[in-house]
Amino acid sequence: MEAALGTNPVNYGTWTDFKTAFEQQFIPLAAQMEAIQKMHNTQMGTSSFATWFQEWSTQARCTGADETTKMWAFRRNLPDGL
């Protein structure tokens, strides 16, 4: 079997293609909707940037949102002084 795989290697495409297909397969719609809500509404407040960004970016990755939407939500959740 290993010889057959060696002569006909499986093509998984690019990392981005694999990641997109994986997320579409394994992130349930309800979890994605919750992540979207949290990405838009998790404000930094008095949290340290590192703590807040870790939580926010985890949610943002699960949304499937484009970069423009993520940037808008990111800026929206920072304190006014930043």
PDB file of N, CA and C in Angstrom:
ATOM      1  N   MET A   1       0.825  -1.193   0.000  1.00  0.00           N
ATOM      2  CA  MET A   1       0.000   0.000   0.000  1.00  0.00           C
ATOM      3  C   MET A   1       0.872   1.260   0.000  1.00  0.00           C
ATOM      4  N   GLU A   2       1.946   1.261   0.799  1.00  0.00           N
ATOM      5  CA  GLU A   2       2.817   2.435   0.839  1.00  0.00           C
ATOM      6  C   GLU A   2       3.420   2.726  -0.529  1.00  0.00           C
ATOM      7  N   ALA A   3       3.755   1.686  -1.274  1.00  0.00           N
ATOM      8  CA  ALA A   3       4.316   1.896  -2.611  1.00  0.00           C
ATOM      9  C   ALA A   3       3.305   2.571  -3.513  1.00  0.00           C
ATOM     10  N   ALA A   4       2.037   2.179  -3.392  1.00  0.00           N
ATOM     11  CA  ALA A   4       0.990   2.795  -4.208  1.00  0.00           C
ATOM     12  C   ALA A   4       0.827   4.269  -3.862  1.00  0.00           C
ATOM     13  N   LEU A   5       0.904   4.601  -2.587  1.00  0.00           N
ATOM     14  CA  LEU A   5       0.804   6.010  -2.183  1.00  0.00           C
ATOM     15  C   LEU A   5       2.013   6.803  -2.658  1.00  0.00           C
ATOM     16  N   GLY A   6       3.172   6.157  -2.669  1.00  0.00           N
ATOM     17  CA  GLY A   6       4.377   6.830  -3.124  1.00  0.00           C
ATOM     18  C   GLY A   6       4.333   7.173  -4.603  1.00  0.00           C
ATOM     19  N   THR A   7       3.735   6.309  -5.404  1.00  0.00           N
ATOM     20  CA  THR A   7       3.665   6.569  -6.838  1.00  0.00           C
ATOM     21  C   THR A   7       2.485   7.458  -7.203  1.00  0.00           C
ATOM     22  N   ASN A   8       1.470   7.480  -6.359  1.00  0.00           N
ATOM     23  CA  ASN A   8       0.282   8.320  -6.590  1.00  0.00           C
ATOM     24  C   ASN A   8      -0.031   9.118  -5.323  1.00  0.00           C
ATOM     25  N   PRO A   9       0.810  10.096  -4.980  1.00  0.00           N
ATOM     26  CA  PRO A   9       0.572  10.833  -3.734  1.00  0.00           C
ATOM     27  C   PRO A   9      -0.755  11.595  -3.783  1.00  0.00           C
ATOM     28  N   VAL A  10      -1.394  11.666  -2.631  1.00  0.00           N
ATOM     29  CA  VAL A  10      -2.652  12.395  -2.513  1.00  0.00           C
ATOM     30  C   VAL A  10      -2.363  13.889  -2.585  1.00  0.00           C
ATOM     31  N   ASN A  11      -3.117  14.610  -3.390  1.00  0.00           N
ATOM     32  CA  ASN A  11      -2.952  16.053  -3.498  1.00  0.00           C
ATOM     33  C   ASN A  11      -4.021  16.722  -2.642  1.00  0.00           C
ATOM     34  N   TYR A  12      -3.597  17.332  -1.558  1.00  0.00           N
ATOM     35  CA  TYR A  12      -4.520  18.018  -0.661  1.00  0.00           C
ATOM     36  C   TYR A  12      -4.669  19.492  -1.021  1.00  0.00           C
ATOM     37  N   GLY A  13      -4.033  19.952  -2.077  1.00  0.00           N
ATOM     38  CA  GLY A  13      -4.105  21.363  -2.466  1.00  0.00           C
ATOM     39  C   GLY A  13      -3.244  22.217  -1.560  1.00  0.00           C
ATOM     40  N   THR A  14      -3.588  23.484  -1.482  1.00  0.00           N
ATOM     41  CA  THR A  14      -2.829  24.413  -0.640  1.00  0.00           C
ATOM     42  C   THR A  14      -3.298  24.312   0.800  1.00  0.00           C
ATOM     43  N   TRP A  15      -2.515  24.865   1.711  1.00  0.00           N
ATOM     44  CA  TRP A  15      -2.887  24.896   3.118  1.00  0.00           C
ATOM     45  C   TRP A  15      -4.211  25.650   3.281  1.00  0.00           C
ATOM     46  N   THR A  16      -4.370  26.750   2.576  1.00  0.00           N
ATOM     47  CA  THR A  16      -5.600  27.534   2.664  1.00  0.00           C
ATOM     48  C   THR A  16      -6.797  26.717   2.212  1.00  0.00           C
ATOM     49  N   ASP A  17      -6.657  25.982   1.105  1.00  0.00           N
ATOM     50  CA  ASP A  17      -7.749  25.130   0.627  1.00  0.00           C
ATOM     51  C   ASP A  17      -8.115  24.082   1.663  1.00  0.00           C
ATOM     52  N   PHE A  18      -7.089  23.445   2.237  1.00  0.00           N
ATOM     53  CA  PHE A  18      -7.333  22.417   3.249  1.00  0.00           C
ATOM     54  C   PHE A  18      -8.036  23.013   4.463  1.00  0.00           C
ATOM     55  N   LYS A  19      -7.543  24.156   4.937  1.00  0.00           N
ATOM     56  CA  LYS A  19      -8.101  24.799   6.128  1.00  0.00           C
ATOM     57  C   LYS A  19      -9.558  25.186   5.896  1.00  0.00           C
ATOM     58  N   THR A  20      -9.858  25.756   4.733  1.00  0.00           N
ATOM     59  CA  THR A  20     -11.233  26.146   4.407  1.00  0.00           C
ATOM     60  C   THR A  20     -12.149  24.927   4.376  1.00  0.00           C
ATOM     61  N   ALA A  21     -11.714  23.869   3.710  1.00  0.00           N
ATOM     62  CA  ALA A  21     -12.523  22.651   3.630  1.00  0.00           C
ATOM     63  C   ALA A  21     -12.728  22.037   5.009  1.00  0.00           C
ATOM     64  N   PHE A  22     -11.679  22.037   5.824  1.00  0.00           N
ATOM     65  CA  PHE A  22     -11.768  21.483   7.175  1.00  0.00           C
ATOM     66  C   PHE A  22     -12.773  22.266   8.011  1.00  0.00           C
ATOM     67  N   GLU A  23     -12.667  23.597   7.983  1.00  0.00           N
ATOM     68  CA  GLU A  23     -13.570  24.426   8.783  1.00  0.00           C
ATOM     69  C   GLU A  23     -15.009  24.277   8.328  1.00  0.00           C
ATOM     70  N   GLN A  24     -15.240  24.196   7.037  1.00  0.00           N
ATOM     71  CA  GLN A  24     -16.595  24.016   6.532  1.00  0.00           C
ATOM     72  C   GLN A  24     -17.170  22.672   6.968  1.00  0.00           C
ATOM     73  N   GLN A  25     -16.312  21.693   7.088  1.00  0.00           N
ATOM     74  CA  GLN A  25     -16.763  20.360   7.469  1.00  0.00           C
ATOM     75  C   GLN A  25     -17.023  20.242   8.963  1.00  0.00           C
ATOM     76  N   PHE A  26     -16.210  20.899   9.793  1.00  0.00           N
ATOM     77  CA  PHE A  26     -16.230  20.621  11.214  1.00  0.00           C
ATOM     78  C   PHE A  26     -16.691  21.750  12.120  1.00  0.00           C
ATOM     79  N   ILE A  27     -16.943  22.937  11.613  1.00  0.00           N
ATOM     80  CA  ILE A  27     -17.443  24.008  12.470  1.00  0.00           C
ATOM     81  C   ILE A  27     -18.956  24.090  12.279  1.00  0.00           C
ATOM     82  N   PRO A  28     -19.716  23.650  13.284  1.00  0.00           N
ATOM     83  CA  PRO A  28     -21.177  23.675  13.163  1.00  0.00           C
ATOM     84  C   PRO A  28     -21.698  25.103  12.988  1.00  0.00           C
ATOM     85  N   LEU A  29     -22.804  25.230  12.286  1.00  0.00           N
ATOM     86  CA  LEU A  29     -23.385  26.545  12.007  1.00  0.00           C
ATOM     87  C   LEU A  29     -23.659  27.324  13.289  1.00  0.00           C
ATOM     88  N   ALA A  30     -24.198  26.670  14.310  1.00  0.00           N
ATOM     89  CA  ALA A  30     -24.492  27.366  15.568  1.00  0.00           C
ATOM     90  C   ALA A  30     -23.221  27.928  16.195  1.00  0.00           C
ATOM     91  N   ALA A  31     -22.136  27.177  16.142  1.00  0.00           N
ATOM     92  CA  ALA A  31     -20.861  27.651  16.695  1.00  0.00           C
ATOM     93  C   ALA A  31     -20.336  28.827  15.879  1.00  0.00           C
ATOM     94  N   GLN A  32     -20.524  28.773  14.567  1.00  0.00           N
ATOM     95  CA  GLN A  32     -20.091  29.873  13.715  1.00  0.00           C
ATOM     96  C   GLN A  32     -20.899  31.137  14.022  1.00  0.00           C
ATOM     97  N   MET A  33     -22.194  31.002  14.202  1.00  0.00           N
ATOM     98  CA  MET A  33     -23.034  32.166  14.533  1.00  0.00           C
ATOM     99  C   MET A  33     -22.634  32.767  15.882  1.00  0.00           C
ATOM    100  N   GLU A  34     -22.327  31.919  16.843  1.00  0.00           N
ATOM    101  CA  GLU A  34     -21.885  32.408  18.151  1.00  0.00           C
ATOM    102  C   GLU A  34     -20.547  33.131  18.028  1.00  0.00           C
ATOM    103  N   ALA A  35     -19.646  32.589  17.214  1.00  0.00           N
ATOM    104  CA  ALA A  35     -18.345  33.225  17.005  1.00  0.00           C
ATOM    105  C   ALA A  35     -18.502  34.590  16.342  1.00  0.00           C
ATOM    106  N   ILE A  36     -19.420  34.696  15.377  1.00  0.00           N
ATOM    107  CA  ILE A  36     -19.676  35.982  14.716  1.00  0.00           C
ATOM    108  C   ILE A  36     -20.159  37.007  15.736  1.00  0.00           C
ATOM    109  N   GLN A  37     -21.094  36.591  16.574  1.00  0.00           N
ATOM    110  CA  GLN A  37     -21.622  37.490  17.602  1.00  0.00           C
ATOM    111  C   GLN A  37     -20.506  37.951  18.534  1.00  0.00           C
ATOM    112  N   LYS A  38     -19.658  37.022  18.969  1.00  0.00           N
ATOM    113  CA  LYS A  38     -18.570  37.374  19.881  1.00  0.00           C
ATOM    114  C   LYS A  38     -17.516  38.243  19.183  1.00  0.00           C
ATOM    115  N   MET A  39     -17.231  37.971  17.920  1.00  0.00           N
ATOM    116  CA  MET A  39     -16.247  38.777  17.196  1.00  0.00           C
ATOM    117  C   MET A  39     -16.702  40.241  17.134  1.00  0.00           C
ATOM    118  N   HIS A  40     -17.990  40.463  16.968  1.00  0.00           N
ATOM    119  CA  HIS A  40     -18.512  41.822  16.855  1.00  0.00           C
ATOM    120  C   HIS A  40     -18.730  42.496  18.209  1.00  0.00           C
ATOM    121  N   ASN A  41     -18.895  41.721  19.279  1.00  0.00           N
ATOM    122  CA  ASN A  41     -19.301  42.318  20.553  1.00  0.00           C
ATOM    123  C   ASN A  41     -18.335  42.134  21.715  1.00  0.00           C
ATOM    124  N   THR A  42     -17.192  41.495  21.508  1.00  0.00           N
ATOM    125  CA  THR A  42     -16.238  41.301  22.601  1.00  0.00           C
ATOM    126  C   THR A  42     -15.304  42.502  22.654  1.00  0.00           C
ATOM    127  N   GLN A  43     -15.641  43.445  23.519  1.00  0.00           N
ATOM    128  CA  GLN A  43     -14.832  44.661  23.626  1.00  0.00           C
ATOM    129  C   GLN A  43     -13.648  44.443  24.546  1.00  0.00           C
ATOM    130  N   MET A  44     -12.581  45.164  24.276  1.00  0.00           N
ATOM    131  CA  MET A  44     -11.368  45.038  25.062  1.00  0.00           C
ATOM    132  C   MET A  44     -11.590  45.499  26.494  1.00  0.00           C
ATOM    133  N   GLY A  45     -12.315  46.592  26.664  1.00  0.00           N
ATOM    134  CA  GLY A  45     -12.590  47.102  28.002  1.00  0.00           C
ATOM    135  C   GLY A  45     -11.309  47.340  28.779  1.00  0.00           C
ATOM    136  N   THR A  46     -11.225  46.772  29.990  1.00  0.00           N
ATOM    137  CA  THR A  46     -10.040  46.945  30.841  1.00  0.00           C
ATOM    138  C   THR A  46      -9.093  45.752  30.777  1.00  0.00           C
ATOM    139  N   SER A  47      -9.367  44.799  29.891  1.00  0.00           N
ATOM    140  CA  SER A  47      -8.480  43.641  29.727  1.00  0.00           C
ATOM    141  C   SER A  47      -7.162  44.081  29.103  1.00  0.00           C
ATOM    142  N   SER A  48      -6.117  43.304  29.339  1.00  0.00           N
ATOM    143  CA  SER A  48      -4.867  43.585  28.638  1.00  0.00           C
ATOM    144  C   SER A  48      -5.094  43.270  27.159  1.00  0.00           C
ATOM    145  N   PHE A  49      -4.337  43.924  26.297  1.00  0.00           N
ATOM    146  CA  PHE A  49      -4.505  43.683  24.863  1.00  0.00           C
ATOM    147  C   PHE A  49      -4.257  42.214  24.537  1.00  0.00           C
ATOM    148  N   ALA A  50      -3.201  41.625  25.112  1.00  0.00           N
ATOM    149  CA  ALA A  50      -2.857  40.232  24.806  1.00  0.00           C
ATOM    150  C   ALA A  50      -3.986  39.275  25.170  1.00  0.00           C
ATOM    151  N   THR A  51      -4.574  39.461  26.329  1.00  0.00           N
ATOM    152  CA  THR A  51      -5.673  38.595  26.772  1.00  0.00           C
ATOM    153  C   THR A  51      -6.876  38.772  25.866  1.00  0.00           C
ATOM    154  N   TRP A  52      -7.251  40.022  25.619  1.00  0.00           N
ATOM    155  CA  TRP A  52      -8.411  40.289  24.771  1.00  0.00           C
ATOM    156  C   TRP A  52      -8.179  39.775  23.352  1.00  0.00           C
ATOM    157  N   PHE A  53      -7.015  40.052  22.783  1.00  0.00           N
ATOM    158  CA  PHE A  53      -6.752  39.670  21.404  1.00  0.00           C
ATOM    159  C   PHE A  53      -6.767  38.157  21.231  1.00  0.00           C
ATOM    160  N   GLN A  54      -6.274  37.421  22.205  1.00  0.00           N
ATOM    161  CA  GLN A  54      -6.299  35.956  22.131  1.00  0.00           C
ATOM    162  C   GLN A  54      -7.742  35.462  22.006  1.00  0.00           C
ATOM    163  N   GLU A  55      -8.623  35.981  22.837  1.00  0.00           N
ATOM    164  CA  GLU A  55     -10.037  35.579  22.779  1.00  0.00           C
ATOM    165  C   GLU A  55     -10.694  36.054  21.483  1.00  0.00           C
ATOM    166  N   TRP A  56     -10.467  37.320  21.150  1.00  0.00           N
ATOM    167  CA  TRP A  56     -11.102  37.877  19.957  1.00  0.00           C
ATOM    168  C   TRP A  56     -10.649  37.145  18.691  1.00  0.00           C
ATOM    169  N   SER A  57      -9.351  36.913  18.542  1.00  0.00           N
ATOM    170  CA  SER A  57      -8.844  36.277  17.325  1.00  0.00           C
ATOM    171  C   SER A  57      -9.300  34.827  17.213  1.00  0.00           C
ATOM    172  N   THR A  58      -9.450  34.140  18.348  1.00  0.00           N
ATOM    173  CA  THR A  58      -9.984  32.777  18.317  1.00  0.00           C
ATOM    174  C   THR A  58     -11.387  32.783  17.734  1.00  0.00           C
ATOM    175  N   GLN A  59     -12.204  33.718  18.174  1.00  0.00           N
ATOM    176  CA  GLN A  59     -13.574  33.819  17.656  1.00  0.00           C
ATOM    177  C   GLN A  59     -13.570  34.231  16.184  1.00  0.00           C
ATOM    178  N   ALA A  60     -12.725  35.194  15.843  1.00  0.00           N
ATOM    179  CA  ALA A  60     -12.682  35.692  14.465  1.00  0.00           C
ATOM    180  C   ALA A  60     -12.315  34.587  13.475  1.00  0.00           C
ATOM    181  N   ARG A  61     -11.392  33.703  13.863  1.00  0.00           N
ATOM    182  CA  ARG A  61     -10.997  32.606  12.977  1.00  0.00           C
ATOM    183  C   ARG A  61     -12.156  31.656  12.695  1.00  0.00           C
ATOM    184  N   CYS A  62     -13.067  31.525  13.629  1.00  0.00           N
ATOM    185  CA  CYS A  62     -14.192  30.588  13.476  1.00  0.00           C
ATOM    186  C   CYS A  62     -15.357  31.166  12.678  1.00  0.00           C
ATOM    187  N   THR A  63     -15.302  32.435  12.332  1.00  0.00           N
ATOM    188  CA  THR A  63     -16.450  33.076  11.687  1.00  0.00           C
ATOM    189  C   THR A  63     -16.532  32.841  10.191  1.00  0.00           C
ATOM    190  N   GLY A  64     -15.394  32.681   9.558  1.00  0.00           N
ATOM    191  CA  GLY A  64     -15.388  32.605   8.099  1.00  0.00           C
ATOM    192  C   GLY A  64     -15.522  33.976   7.456  1.00  0.00           C
ATOM    193  N   ALA A  65     -15.406  35.030   8.266  1.00  0.00           N
ATOM    194  CA  ALA A  65     -15.546  36.401   7.769  1.00  0.00           C
ATOM    195  C   ALA A  65     -14.322  36.799   6.949  1.00  0.00           C
ATOM    196  N   ASP A  66     -14.524  37.725   6.016  1.00  0.00           N
ATOM    197  CA  ASP A  66     -13.402  38.223   5.225  1.00  0.00           C
ATOM    198  C   ASP A  66     -12.571  39.205   6.057  1.00  0.00           C
ATOM    199  N   GLU A  67     -11.402  39.551   5.553  1.00  0.00           N
ATOM    200  CA  GLU A  67     -10.473  40.398   6.303  1.00  0.00           C
ATOM    201  C   GLU A  67     -11.034  41.797   6.577  1.00  0.00           C
ATOM    202  N   THR A  68     -11.795  42.349   5.651  1.00  0.00           N
ATOM    203  CA  THR A  68     -12.381  43.683   5.851  1.00  0.00           C
ATOM    204  C   THR A  68     -13.354  43.661   7.031  1.00  0.00           C
ATOM    205  N   THR A  69     -14.179  42.651   7.110  1.00  0.00           N
ATOM    206  CA  THR A  69     -15.139  42.527   8.208  1.00  0.00           C
ATOM    207  C   THR A  69     -14.410  42.334   9.532  1.00  0.00           C
ATOM    208  N   LYS A  70     -13.375  41.503   9.519  1.00  0.00           N
ATOM    209  CA  LYS A  70     -12.608  41.294  10.749  1.00  0.00           C
ATOM    210  C   LYS A  70     -11.963  42.597  11.216  1.00  0.00           C
ATOM    211  N   MET A  71     -11.403  43.373  10.283  1.00  0.00           N
ATOM    212  CA  MET A  71     -10.761  44.632  10.657  1.00  0.00           C
ATOM    213  C   MET A  71     -11.769  45.609  11.239  1.00  0.00           C
ATOM    214  N   TRP A  72     -12.957  45.667  10.643  1.00  0.00           N
ATOM    215  CA  TRP A  72     -14.002  46.557  11.158  1.00  0.00           C
ATOM    216  C   TRP A  72     -14.384  46.159  12.586  1.00  0.00           C
ATOM    217  N   ALA A  73     -14.600  44.865  12.814  1.00  0.00           N
ATOM    218  CA  ALA A  73     -14.979  44.396  14.145  1.00  0.00           C
ATOM    219  C   ALA A  73     -13.835  44.606  15.151  1.00  0.00           C
ATOM    220  N   PHE A  74     -12.602  44.378  14.706  1.00  0.00           N
ATOM    221  CA  PHE A  74     -11.443  44.568  15.569  1.00  0.00           C
ATOM    222  C   PHE A  74     -11.389  46.006  16.062  1.00  0.00           C
ATOM    223  N   ARG A  75     -11.451  46.949  15.129  1.00  0.00           N
ATOM    224  CA  ARG A  75     -11.367  48.370  15.494  1.00  0.00           C
ATOM    225  C   ARG A  75     -12.551  48.799  16.367  1.00  0.00           C
ATOM    226  N   ARG A  76     -13.723  48.251  16.084  1.00  0.00           N
ATOM    227  CA  ARG A  76     -14.942  48.590  16.823  1.00  0.00           C
ATOM    228  C   ARG A  76     -14.820  48.205  18.294  1.00  0.00           C
ATOM    229  N   ASN A  77     -14.073  47.149  18.588  1.00  0.00           N
ATOM    230  CA  ASN A  77     -13.991  46.628  19.949  1.00  0.00           C
ATOM    231  C   ASN A  77     -12.844  47.181  20.767  1.00  0.00           C
ATOM    232  N   LEU A  78     -11.999  48.006  20.162  1.00  0.00           N
ATOM    233  CA  LEU A  78     -10.922  48.639  20.915  1.00  0.00           C
ATOM    234  C   LEU A  78     -11.456  49.847  21.680  1.00  0.00           C
ATOM    235  N   PRO A  79     -10.834  50.199  22.801  1.00  0.00           N
ATOM    236  CA  PRO A  79     -11.240  51.415  23.521  1.00  0.00           C
ATOM    237  C   PRO A  79     -11.056  52.647  22.634  1.00  0.00           C
ATOM    238  N   ASP A  80     -11.852  53.667  22.879  1.00  0.00           N
ATOM    239  CA  ASP A  80     -11.810  54.888  22.061  1.00  0.00           C
ATOM    240  C   ASP A  80     -10.417  55.521  22.011  1.00  0.00           C
ATOM    241  N   GLY A  81      -9.654  55.455  23.065  1.00  0.00           N
ATOM    242  CA  GLY A  81      -8.331  56.069  23.107  1.00  0.00           C
ATOM    243  C   GLY A  81      -7.315  55.425  22.193  1.00  0.00           C
ATOM    244  N   LEU A  82      -7.602  54.220  21.748  1.00  0.00           N
ATOM    245  CA  LEU A  82      -6.656  53.538  20.854  1.00  0.00           C
ATOM    246  C   LEU A  82      -7.064  53.826  19.448  1.00  0.00           C
TER     247      LEU A  82
END
